[in-house]
Amino acid sequence: MKENKIIKEVWQYFILILGGLLVGISVGLVLLPVKLSTGGFGGIATILYYLLGLPASIGLVLLNIPVFIITWKVLGFRYSLKSLVGMIACSLGILWGEELGVLTNELMLAALYGGAISGVGIALTYRVGGSTGGTDLIAKLLQVKIPHMNLGELLLIVDGIIIAMLALTFSSIEIALYSAVAVFIMTKILDLILLGASYAKAVFVITNKGDEISEFLHSTINRTTTKIKATGTYTNTEKDILLCVVNKKEIPKLKEGILSIDNKAFTIVTTVTEAMGEGFSKEI
């Protein structure tokens, strides 16, 4: 049992370092040479690099010091340690990326590649309970106060402010626009990895034939339903509300079946990003 715990811990730090290196490489190899950024302290480090000649890897470390102190107090030593490891890996990744040269001078390609690589790197660090420092930590701290917002949304807000600073510094709206593309790609990749590529669908059916539709869902789609008795306020007649969660590929068959049983049924289909329990895995 103890050996398994040690192996798991070592594996987590391996993933953490890999994620940090990917984020750093995206900066040093792709974004920094063309003055783009996905925001964060990497964006501020880019500004300091071009204005003061301060290496981005060093600037990143200096900017992170006060944030780590706050994180240590708010989120604890364990998370802070993992974030420190991730930040050091990110700084080394920047150095490594700069040594490799410039991947592309085309701004759109740089935005796409840089955003995608950063998104994968940040997601890997989050999956093992760490970060690469900077606005990753700020977003994590904000999520403690605003738990209903996901990390991708919080990063988008914080990084948007820093991108605006980048545009003002270089007096270029083009840099801001392409950096915004990089941030958009990064957050989409981040949410894709953290939330999963697939989505379930929650289906609400308001009908007079609740038993027949429930039987169809049980026998044909193999999904159970929850039936709620309700009264229509306009007609003052009693109806059934059926709640069922299905995979998105099952929606066409479900719609066809409901219409064949009750063509007057009122059906609402909405997206569910997470469903746990019988018939569904933790990641849909």
C-alpha atoms as a PDB file:
ATOM      1  CA  MET A   1       0.000   0.000   0.000  1.00  0.00           C
ATOM      2  CA  LYS A   2       2.801   2.409   0.916  1.00  0.00           C
ATOM      3  CA  GLU A   3       4.709   1.544  -2.273  1.00  0.00           C
ATOM      4  CA  ASN A   4       1.603   2.253  -4.376  1.00  0.00           C
ATOM      5  CA  LYS A   5       1.243   5.631  -2.702  1.00  0.00           C
ATOM      6  CA  ILE A   6       4.873   6.492  -3.436  1.00  0.00           C
ATOM      7  CA  ILE A   7       4.527   5.389  -7.079  1.00  0.00           C
ATOM      8  CA  LYS A   8       1.385   7.496  -7.430  1.00  0.00           C
ATOM      9  CA  GLU A   9       3.144  10.535  -5.929  1.00  0.00           C
ATOM     10  CA  VAL A  10       6.155  10.120  -8.235  1.00  0.00           C
ATOM     11  CA  TRP A  11       3.824   9.775 -11.238  1.00  0.00           C
ATOM     12  CA  GLN A  12       1.979  12.958 -10.266  1.00  0.00           C
ATOM     13  CA  TYR A  13       5.211  14.936 -10.078  1.00  0.00           C
ATOM     14  CA  PHE A  14       6.300  13.506 -13.432  1.00  0.00           C
ATOM     15  CA  ILE A  15       3.034  14.733 -15.024  1.00  0.00           C
ATOM     16  CA  LEU A  16       3.424  18.056 -13.223  1.00  0.00           C
ATOM     17  CA  ILE A  17       6.948  18.585 -14.579  1.00  0.00           C
ATOM     18  CA  LEU A  18       5.864  17.525 -18.070  1.00  0.00           C
ATOM     19  CA  GLY A  19       2.988  20.002 -17.987  1.00  0.00           C
ATOM     20  CA  GLY A  20       5.231  22.816 -16.758  1.00  0.00           C
ATOM     21  CA  LEU A  21       7.795  22.109 -19.468  1.00  0.00           C
ATOM     22  CA  LEU A  22       5.099  22.203 -22.165  1.00  0.00           C
ATOM     23  CA  VAL A  23       3.821  25.578 -20.974  1.00  0.00           C
ATOM     24  CA  GLY A  24       7.370  26.962 -20.915  1.00  0.00           C
ATOM     25  CA  ILE A  25       8.215  25.588 -24.349  1.00  0.00           C
ATOM     26  CA  SER A  26       5.074  27.182 -25.777  1.00  0.00           C
ATOM     27  CA  VAL A  27       6.350  30.539 -24.513  1.00  0.00           C
ATOM     28  CA  GLY A  28      10.042  30.251 -25.431  1.00  0.00           C
ATOM     29  CA  LEU A  29       9.629  28.451 -28.758  1.00  0.00           C
ATOM     30  CA  VAL A  30       6.343  29.819 -30.100  1.00  0.00           C
ATOM     31  CA  LEU A  31       4.909  32.921 -28.413  1.00  0.00           C
ATOM     32  CA  LEU A  32       7.771  35.024 -27.058  1.00  0.00           C
ATOM     33  CA  PRO A  33       9.653  35.401 -30.388  1.00  0.00           C
ATOM     34  CA  VAL A  34       6.584  36.999 -32.035  1.00  0.00           C
ATOM     35  CA  LYS A  35       5.537  39.037 -28.943  1.00  0.00           C
ATOM     36  CA  LEU A  36       2.355  37.006 -28.419  1.00  0.00           C
ATOM     37  CA  SER A  37       1.148  35.662 -25.106  1.00  0.00           C
ATOM     38  CA  THR A  38      -1.613  33.577 -23.556  1.00  0.00           C
ATOM     39  CA  GLY A  39      -1.676  36.144 -20.757  1.00  0.00           C
ATOM     40  CA  GLY A  40      -0.616  35.341 -17.231  1.00  0.00           C
ATOM     41  CA  PHE A  41       2.756  36.144 -15.783  1.00  0.00           C
ATOM     42  CA  GLY A  42       4.190  34.890 -19.057  1.00  0.00           C
ATOM     43  CA  GLY A  43       2.615  37.956 -20.681  1.00  0.00           C
ATOM     44  CA  ILE A  44       4.101  40.294 -18.091  1.00  0.00           C
ATOM     45  CA  ALA A  45       7.451  38.511 -18.436  1.00  0.00           C
ATOM     46  CA  THR A  46       7.235  39.100 -22.205  1.00  0.00           C
ATOM     47  CA  ILE A  47       6.727  42.828 -21.614  1.00  0.00           C
ATOM     48  CA  LEU A  48       9.694  42.954 -19.226  1.00  0.00           C
ATOM     49  CA  TYR A  49      11.826  41.018 -21.718  1.00  0.00           C
ATOM     50  CA  TYR A  50      11.262  43.467 -24.565  1.00  0.00           C
ATOM     51  CA  LEU A  51      11.332  46.632 -22.445  1.00  0.00           C
ATOM     52  CA  LEU A  52      14.120  45.823 -19.974  1.00  0.00           C
ATOM     53  CA  GLY A  53      15.903  42.844 -21.509  1.00  0.00           C
ATOM     54  CA  LEU A  54      15.059  40.716 -18.450  1.00  0.00           C
ATOM     55  CA  PRO A  55      15.015  37.017 -19.454  1.00  0.00           C
ATOM     56  CA  ALA A  56      11.453  35.723 -19.417  1.00  0.00           C
ATOM     57  CA  SER A  57      12.409  32.688 -17.336  1.00  0.00           C
ATOM     58  CA  ILE A  58      13.818  34.905 -14.567  1.00  0.00           C
ATOM     59  CA  GLY A  59      10.955  37.384 -14.792  1.00  0.00           C
ATOM     60  CA  LEU A  60       8.496  34.535 -14.325  1.00  0.00           C
ATOM     61  CA  VAL A  61      10.192  33.410 -11.116  1.00  0.00           C
ATOM     62  CA  LEU A  62      10.346  36.943  -9.661  1.00  0.00           C
ATOM     63  CA  LEU A  63       6.681  37.615 -10.402  1.00  0.00           C
ATOM     64  CA  ASN A  64       5.604  34.367  -8.786  1.00  0.00           C
ATOM     65  CA  ILE A  65       7.238  34.914  -5.384  1.00  0.00           C
ATOM     66  CA  PRO A  66       4.441  37.007  -3.755  1.00  0.00           C
ATOM     67  CA  VAL A  67       1.723  34.810  -5.281  1.00  0.00           C
ATOM     68  CA  PHE A  68       3.321  31.687  -3.818  1.00  0.00           C
ATOM     69  CA  ILE A  69       3.377  33.232  -0.366  1.00  0.00           C
ATOM     70  CA  ILE A  70      -0.369  33.944  -0.587  1.00  0.00           C
ATOM     71  CA  THR A  71      -1.070  30.485  -2.024  1.00  0.00           C
ATOM     72  CA  TRP A  72       0.848  28.819   0.795  1.00  0.00           C
ATOM     73  CA  LYS A  73      -1.385  30.547   3.340  1.00  0.00           C
ATOM     74  CA  VAL A  74      -4.680  30.011   1.496  1.00  0.00           C
ATOM     75  CA  LEU A  75      -4.323  26.592  -0.165  1.00  0.00           C
ATOM     76  CA  GLY A  76      -1.658  24.968   2.009  1.00  0.00           C
ATOM     77  CA  PHE A  77       1.885  23.653   1.688  1.00  0.00           C
ATOM     78  CA  ARG A  78       1.127  20.645  -0.533  1.00  0.00           C
ATOM     79  CA  TYR A  79      -0.482  22.661  -3.317  1.00  0.00           C
ATOM     80  CA  SER A  80       2.180  25.367  -3.008  1.00  0.00           C
ATOM     81  CA  LEU A  81       4.965  22.809  -3.338  1.00  0.00           C
ATOM     82  CA  LYS A  82       3.432  21.348  -6.480  1.00  0.00           C
ATOM     83  CA  SER A  83       2.961  24.835  -7.894  1.00  0.00           C
ATOM     84  CA  LEU A  84       6.600  25.649  -7.135  1.00  0.00           C
ATOM     85  CA  VAL A  85       7.741  22.531  -9.002  1.00  0.00           C
ATOM     86  CA  GLY A  86       5.460  23.407 -11.903  1.00  0.00           C
ATOM     87  CA  MET A  87       6.750  26.974 -12.046  1.00  0.00           C
ATOM     88  CA  ILE A  88      10.402  25.860 -12.039  1.00  0.00           C
ATOM     89  CA  ALA A  89       9.614  23.375 -14.827  1.00  0.00           C
ATOM     90  CA  CYS A  90       7.896  26.172 -16.760  1.00  0.00           C
ATOM     91  CA  SER A  91      10.949  28.435 -16.408  1.00  0.00           C
ATOM     92  CA  LEU A  92      13.224  25.633 -17.612  1.00  0.00           C
ATOM     93  CA  GLY A  93      10.819  25.026 -20.494  1.00  0.00           C
ATOM     94  CA  ILE A  94      11.171  28.673 -21.552  1.00  0.00           C
ATOM     95  CA  LEU A  95      14.965  28.328 -21.597  1.00  0.00           C
ATOM     96  CA  TRP A  96      14.711  25.082 -23.548  1.00  0.00           C
ATOM     97  CA  GLY A  97      12.255  26.620 -26.012  1.00  0.00           C
ATOM     98  CA  GLU A  98      14.546  29.595 -26.620  1.00  0.00           C
ATOM     99  CA  GLU A  99      17.425  27.202 -27.306  1.00  0.00           C
ATOM    100  CA  LEU A 100      15.341  25.353 -29.889  1.00  0.00           C
ATOM    101  CA  GLY A 101      14.817  28.574 -31.869  1.00  0.00           C
ATOM    102  CA  VAL A 102      11.613  29.928 -33.427  1.00  0.00           C
ATOM    103  CA  LEU A 103       8.869  27.537 -34.512  1.00  0.00           C
ATOM    104  CA  THR A 104       7.059  30.017 -36.784  1.00  0.00           C
ATOM    105  CA  ASN A 105       6.916  33.744 -37.501  1.00  0.00           C
ATOM    106  CA  GLU A 106       3.328  33.503 -38.749  1.00  0.00           C
ATOM    107  CA  LEU A 107       1.160  35.102 -36.062  1.00  0.00           C
ATOM    108  CA  MET A 108      -1.928  32.945 -36.597  1.00  0.00           C
ATOM    109  CA  LEU A 109       0.053  29.718 -36.542  1.00  0.00           C
ATOM    110  CA  ALA A 110       1.921  30.899 -33.447  1.00  0.00           C
ATOM    111  CA  ALA A 111      -1.386  31.679 -31.724  1.00  0.00           C
ATOM    112  CA  LEU A 112      -2.804  28.246 -32.582  1.00  0.00           C
ATOM    113  CA  TYR A 113       0.304  26.246 -31.673  1.00  0.00           C
ATOM    114  CA  GLY A 114       1.111  28.286 -28.579  1.00  0.00           C
ATOM    115  CA  GLY A 115      -2.445  28.184 -27.254  1.00  0.00           C
ATOM    116  CA  ALA A 116      -2.798  24.443 -27.841  1.00  0.00           C
ATOM    117  CA  ILE A 117       0.527  23.516 -26.218  1.00  0.00           C
ATOM    118  CA  SER A 118      -0.127  25.821 -23.247  1.00  0.00           C
ATOM    119  CA  GLY A 119      -3.617  24.372 -22.783  1.00  0.00           C
ATOM    120  CA  VAL A 120      -2.309  20.809 -22.679  1.00  0.00           C
ATOM    121  CA  GLY A 121       0.467  21.783 -20.263  1.00  0.00           C
ATOM    122  CA  ILE A 122      -1.776  23.684 -17.855  1.00  0.00           C
ATOM    123  CA  ALA A 123      -4.407  20.915 -17.917  1.00  0.00           C
ATOM    124  CA  LEU A 124      -1.786  18.305 -17.028  1.00  0.00           C
ATOM    125  CA  THR A 125      -0.638  20.326 -14.027  1.00  0.00           C
ATOM    126  CA  TYR A 126      -4.232  20.833 -12.841  1.00  0.00           C
ATOM    127  CA  ARG A 127      -5.021  17.126 -13.174  1.00  0.00           C
ATOM    128  CA  VAL A 128      -2.372  16.320 -10.547  1.00  0.00           C
ATOM    129  CA  GLY A 129      -3.285  19.207  -8.226  1.00  0.00           C
ATOM    130  CA  GLY A 130      -0.581  21.700  -9.195  1.00  0.00           C
ATOM    131  CA  SER A 131      -0.052  24.669 -11.493  1.00  0.00           C
ATOM    132  CA  THR A 132       2.685  26.524 -13.319  1.00  0.00           C
ATOM    133  CA  GLY A 133       2.328  29.627 -11.148  1.00  0.00           C
ATOM    134  CA  GLY A 134       1.189  33.059 -12.269  1.00  0.00           C
ATOM    135  CA  THR A 135      -2.443  33.540 -13.186  1.00  0.00           C
ATOM    136  CA  ASP A 136      -2.965  29.781 -12.859  1.00  0.00           C
ATOM    137  CA  LEU A 137      -2.579  30.364  -9.136  1.00  0.00           C
ATOM    138  CA  ILE A 138      -4.654  33.552  -9.223  1.00  0.00           C
ATOM    139  CA  ALA A 139      -7.444  31.651 -11.002  1.00  0.00           C
ATOM    140  CA  LYS A 140      -7.205  28.865  -8.427  1.00  0.00           C
ATOM    141  CA  LEU A 141      -7.421  31.396  -5.597  1.00  0.00           C
ATOM    142  CA  LEU A 142     -10.419  33.070  -7.251  1.00  0.00           C
ATOM    143  CA  GLN A 143     -12.128  29.697  -7.634  1.00  0.00           C
ATOM    144  CA  VAL A 144     -12.040  29.325  -3.852  1.00  0.00           C
ATOM    145  CA  LYS A 145     -14.220  32.459  -3.672  1.00  0.00           C
ATOM    146  CA  ILE A 146     -16.171  31.844  -6.915  1.00  0.00           C
ATOM    147  CA  PRO A 147     -16.635  28.038  -7.049  1.00  0.00           C
ATOM    148  CA  HIS A 148     -19.396  28.189  -9.698  1.00  0.00           C
ATOM    149  CA  MET A 149     -16.920  29.385 -12.356  1.00  0.00           C
ATOM    150  CA  ASN A 150     -14.601  26.868 -13.989  1.00  0.00           C
ATOM    151  CA  LEU A 151     -10.868  27.429 -14.286  1.00  0.00           C
ATOM    152  CA  GLY A 152     -11.034  28.098 -18.020  1.00  0.00           C
ATOM    153  CA  GLU A 153     -13.462  30.995 -17.516  1.00  0.00           C
ATOM    154  CA  LEU A 154     -11.417  32.508 -14.697  1.00  0.00           C
ATOM    155  CA  LEU A 155      -8.209  32.263 -16.709  1.00  0.00           C
ATOM    156  CA  LEU A 156      -9.940  33.927 -19.667  1.00  0.00           C
ATOM    157  CA  ILE A 157     -10.881  36.957 -17.515  1.00  0.00           C
ATOM    158  CA  VAL A 158      -7.516  37.378 -15.784  1.00  0.00           C
ATOM    159  CA  ASP A 159      -5.485  36.772 -18.927  1.00  0.00           C
ATOM    160  CA  GLY A 160      -7.646  39.176 -20.932  1.00  0.00           C
ATOM    161  CA  ILE A 161      -6.529  42.023 -18.677  1.00  0.00           C
ATOM    162  CA  ILE A 162      -2.868  41.128 -19.193  1.00  0.00           C
ATOM    163  CA  ILE A 163      -3.303  40.875 -22.968  1.00  0.00           C
ATOM    164  CA  ALA A 164      -4.724  44.400 -22.943  1.00  0.00           C
ATOM    165  CA  MET A 165      -1.525  45.507 -21.167  1.00  0.00           C
ATOM    166  CA  LEU A 166       0.507  43.710 -23.833  1.00  0.00           C
ATOM    167  CA  ALA A 167      -1.326  45.531 -26.633  1.00  0.00           C
ATOM    168  CA  LEU A 168      -0.792  48.922 -24.975  1.00  0.00           C
ATOM    169  CA  THR A 169       2.906  48.230 -24.420  1.00  0.00           C
ATOM    170  CA  PHE A 170       3.589  47.326 -28.053  1.00  0.00           C
ATOM    171  CA  SER A 171       0.933  49.705 -29.456  1.00  0.00           C
ATOM    172  CA  SER A 172      -0.458  46.898 -31.573  1.00  0.00           C
ATOM    173  CA  ILE A 173      -4.058  45.777 -31.757  1.00  0.00           C
ATOM    174  CA  GLU A 174      -2.861  42.897 -33.958  1.00  0.00           C
ATOM    175  CA  ILE A 175      -0.823  41.441 -31.103  1.00  0.00           C
ATOM    176  CA  ALA A 176      -3.860  41.676 -28.826  1.00  0.00           C
ATOM    177  CA  LEU A 177      -6.119  39.949 -31.362  1.00  0.00           C
ATOM    178  CA  TYR A 178      -3.760  37.065 -32.047  1.00  0.00           C
ATOM    179  CA  SER A 179      -3.019  36.700 -28.332  1.00  0.00           C
ATOM    180  CA  ALA A 180      -6.758  36.518 -27.735  1.00  0.00           C
ATOM    181  CA  VAL A 181      -6.900  33.672 -30.259  1.00  0.00           C
ATOM    182  CA  ALA A 182      -4.128  31.897 -28.326  1.00  0.00           C
ATOM    183  CA  VAL A 183      -6.016  32.339 -25.032  1.00  0.00           C
ATOM    184  CA  PHE A 184      -9.252  31.066 -26.590  1.00  0.00           C
ATOM    185  CA  ILE A 185      -7.522  27.943 -27.920  1.00  0.00           C
ATOM    186  CA  MET A 186      -5.775  27.429 -24.579  1.00  0.00           C
ATOM    187  CA  THR A 187      -8.992  27.598 -22.534  1.00  0.00           C
ATOM    188  CA  LYS A 188     -10.854  25.293 -24.933  1.00  0.00           C
ATOM    189  CA  ILE A 189      -8.071  22.706 -24.750  1.00  0.00           C
ATOM    190  CA  LEU A 190      -7.990  23.133 -20.968  1.00  0.00           C
ATOM    191  CA  ASP A 191     -11.721  22.508 -20.574  1.00  0.00           C
ATOM    192  CA  LEU A 192     -11.611  19.683 -23.124  1.00  0.00           C
ATOM    193  CA  ILE A 193      -9.038  17.791 -21.053  1.00  0.00           C
ATOM    194  CA  LEU A 194     -10.459  18.638 -17.627  1.00  0.00           C
ATOM    195  CA  LEU A 195     -14.164  18.188 -18.460  1.00  0.00           C
ATOM    196  CA  GLY A 196     -13.876  15.607 -21.223  1.00  0.00           C
ATOM    197  CA  ALA A 197     -14.633  15.602 -24.927  1.00  0.00           C
ATOM    198  CA  SER A 198     -18.101  14.102 -24.641  1.00  0.00           C
ATOM    199  CA  TYR A 199     -21.247  15.557 -23.173  1.00  0.00           C
ATOM    200  CA  ALA A 200     -24.402  13.926 -21.908  1.00  0.00           C
ATOM    201  CA  LYS A 201     -27.844  15.354 -22.489  1.00  0.00           C
ATOM    202  CA  ALA A 202     -30.489  15.917 -19.843  1.00  0.00           C
ATOM    203  CA  VAL A 203     -33.955  15.443 -21.326  1.00  0.00           C
ATOM    204  CA  PHE A 204     -37.157  16.806 -19.792  1.00  0.00           C
ATOM    205  CA  VAL A 205     -40.390  15.537 -21.337  1.00  0.00           C
ATOM    206  CA  ILE A 206     -43.773  17.037 -20.398  1.00  0.00           C
ATOM    207  CA  THR A 207     -46.444  14.611 -21.555  1.00  0.00           C
ATOM    208  CA  ASN A 208     -49.809  12.954 -20.928  1.00  0.00           C
ATOM    209  CA  LYS A 209     -48.273   9.567 -21.719  1.00  0.00           C
ATOM    210  CA  GLY A 210     -45.527   9.320 -19.140  1.00  0.00           C
ATOM    211  CA  ASP A 211     -45.819   5.560 -18.620  1.00  0.00           C
ATOM    212  CA  GLU A 212     -45.599   4.749 -22.340  1.00  0.00           C
ATOM    213  CA  ILE A 213     -42.594   7.035 -22.905  1.00  0.00           C
ATOM    214  CA  SER A 214     -40.874   5.688 -19.773  1.00  0.00           C
ATOM    215  CA  GLU A 215     -41.350   2.140 -21.054  1.00  0.00           C
ATOM    216  CA  PHE A 216     -39.872   3.132 -24.423  1.00  0.00           C
ATOM    217  CA  LEU A 217     -36.814   4.663 -22.718  1.00  0.00           C
ATOM    218  CA  HIS A 218     -36.363   1.577 -20.538  1.00  0.00           C
ATOM    219  CA  SER A 219     -36.753  -1.024 -23.273  1.00  0.00           C
ATOM    220  CA  THR A 220     -35.256   0.691 -26.319  1.00  0.00           C
ATOM    221  CA  ILE A 221     -32.573   3.061 -24.994  1.00  0.00           C
ATOM    222  CA  ASN A 222     -31.986   1.248 -21.692  1.00  0.00           C
ATOM    223  CA  ARG A 223     -32.241   4.455 -19.636  1.00  0.00           C
ATOM    224  CA  THR A 224     -34.287   4.893 -16.507  1.00  0.00           C
ATOM    225  CA  THR A 225     -36.404   7.974 -15.864  1.00  0.00           C
ATOM    226  CA  THR A 226     -37.639  10.025 -12.948  1.00  0.00           C
ATOM    227  CA  LYS A 227     -41.342  10.889 -13.146  1.00  0.00           C
ATOM    228  CA  ILE A 228     -42.703  14.049 -11.541  1.00  0.00           C
ATOM    229  CA  LYS A 229     -46.388  14.914 -11.359  1.00  0.00           C
ATOM    230  CA  ALA A 230     -47.130  18.494 -12.437  1.00  0.00           C
ATOM    231  CA  THR A 231     -50.078  20.711 -13.337  1.00  0.00           C
ATOM    232  CA  GLY A 232     -50.184  23.015 -16.359  1.00  0.00           C
ATOM    233  CA  THR A 233     -51.093  26.537 -15.219  1.00  0.00           C
ATOM    234  CA  TYR A 234     -52.860  27.426 -18.490  1.00  0.00           C
ATOM    235  CA  THR A 235     -55.002  24.289 -18.938  1.00  0.00           C
ATOM    236  CA  ASN A 236     -55.017  23.320 -15.237  1.00  0.00           C
ATOM    237  CA  THR A 237     -54.565  19.683 -16.298  1.00  0.00           C
ATOM    238  CA  GLU A 238     -52.230  17.170 -14.694  1.00  0.00           C
ATOM    239  CA  LYS A 239     -49.195  16.049 -16.696  1.00  0.00           C
ATOM    240  CA  ASP A 240     -46.071  13.950 -16.187  1.00  0.00           C
ATOM    241  CA  ILE A 241     -42.560  15.432 -16.313  1.00  0.00           C
ATOM    242  CA  LEU A 242     -39.955  12.805 -17.165  1.00  0.00           C
ATOM    243  CA  LEU A 243     -36.284  13.443 -16.458  1.00  0.00           C
ATOM    244  CA  CYS A 244     -33.705  11.290 -18.202  1.00  0.00           C
ATOM    245  CA  VAL A 245     -29.957  11.627 -18.860  1.00  0.00           C
ATOM    246  CA  VAL A 246     -28.676  10.031 -22.077  1.00  0.00           C
ATOM    247  CA  ASN A 247     -25.574  10.059 -24.238  1.00  0.00           C
ATOM    248  CA  LYS A 248     -25.709  12.553 -27.100  1.00  0.00           C
ATOM    249  CA  LYS A 249     -25.672   9.751 -29.700  1.00  0.00           C
ATOM    250  CA  GLU A 250     -28.965   8.470 -28.265  1.00  0.00           C
ATOM    251  CA  ILE A 251     -30.813  11.775 -28.834  1.00  0.00           C
ATOM    252  CA  PRO A 252     -32.083  11.072 -32.425  1.00  0.00           C
ATOM    253  CA  LYS A 253     -33.621   7.724 -31.398  1.00  0.00           C
ATOM    254  CA  LEU A 254     -35.090   9.324 -28.263  1.00  0.00           C
ATOM    255  CA  LYS A 255     -36.748  12.154 -30.225  1.00  0.00           C
ATOM    256  CA  GLU A 256     -38.173   9.763 -32.777  1.00  0.00           C
ATOM    257  CA  GLY A 257     -39.600   7.513 -30.071  1.00  0.00           C
ATOM    258  CA  ILE A 258     -41.196  10.368 -28.094  1.00  0.00           C
ATOM    259  CA  LEU A 259     -42.878  11.796 -31.212  1.00  0.00           C
ATOM    260  CA  SER A 260     -44.224   8.391 -32.207  1.00  0.00           C
ATOM    261  CA  ILE A 261     -45.842   7.982 -28.769  1.00  0.00           C
ATOM    262  CA  ASP A 262     -46.978  11.546 -28.090  1.00  0.00           C
ATOM    263  CA  ASN A 263     -46.584  14.118 -30.868  1.00  0.00           C
ATOM    264  CA  LYS A 264     -47.819  16.835 -28.491  1.00  0.00           C
ATOM    265  CA  ALA A 265     -45.146  16.165 -25.863  1.00  0.00           C
ATOM    266  CA  PHE A 266     -43.030  19.186 -24.886  1.00  0.00           C
ATOM    267  CA  THR A 267     -39.361  18.137 -24.803  1.00  0.00           C
ATOM    268  CA  ILE A 268     -36.359  20.079 -23.489  1.00  0.00           C
ATOM    269  CA  VAL A 269     -32.810  18.883 -24.197  1.00  0.00           C
ATOM    270  CA  THR A 270     -29.889  20.494 -22.413  1.00  0.00           C
ATOM    271  CA  THR A 271     -26.162  19.742 -22.140  1.00  0.00           C
ATOM    272  CA  VAL A 272     -24.670  18.079 -19.070  1.00  0.00           C
ATOM    273  CA  THR A 273     -20.889  18.293 -18.649  1.00  0.00           C
ATOM    274  CA  GLU A 274     -20.738  15.712 -15.877  1.00  0.00           C
ATOM    275  CA  ALA A 275     -22.944  12.777 -14.907  1.00  0.00           C
ATOM    276  CA  MET A 276     -22.036  10.173 -12.323  1.00  0.00           C
ATOM    277  CA  GLY A 277     -23.838   7.001 -11.361  1.00  0.00           C
ATOM    278  CA  GLU A 278     -25.134   3.849 -12.988  1.00  0.00           C
ATOM    279  CA  GLY A 279     -24.732   3.976 -16.735  1.00  0.00           C
ATOM    280  CA  PHE A 280     -22.256   6.842 -16.716  1.00  0.00           C
ATOM    281  CA  SER A 281     -18.562   7.132 -15.902  1.00  0.00           C
ATOM    282  CA  LYS A 282     -17.083  10.060 -14.028  1.00  0.00           C
ATOM    283  CA  GLU A 283     -16.115  11.571 -17.358  1.00  0.00           C
ATOM    284  CA  ILE A 284     -18.946  11.196 -19.841  1.00  0.00           C
END
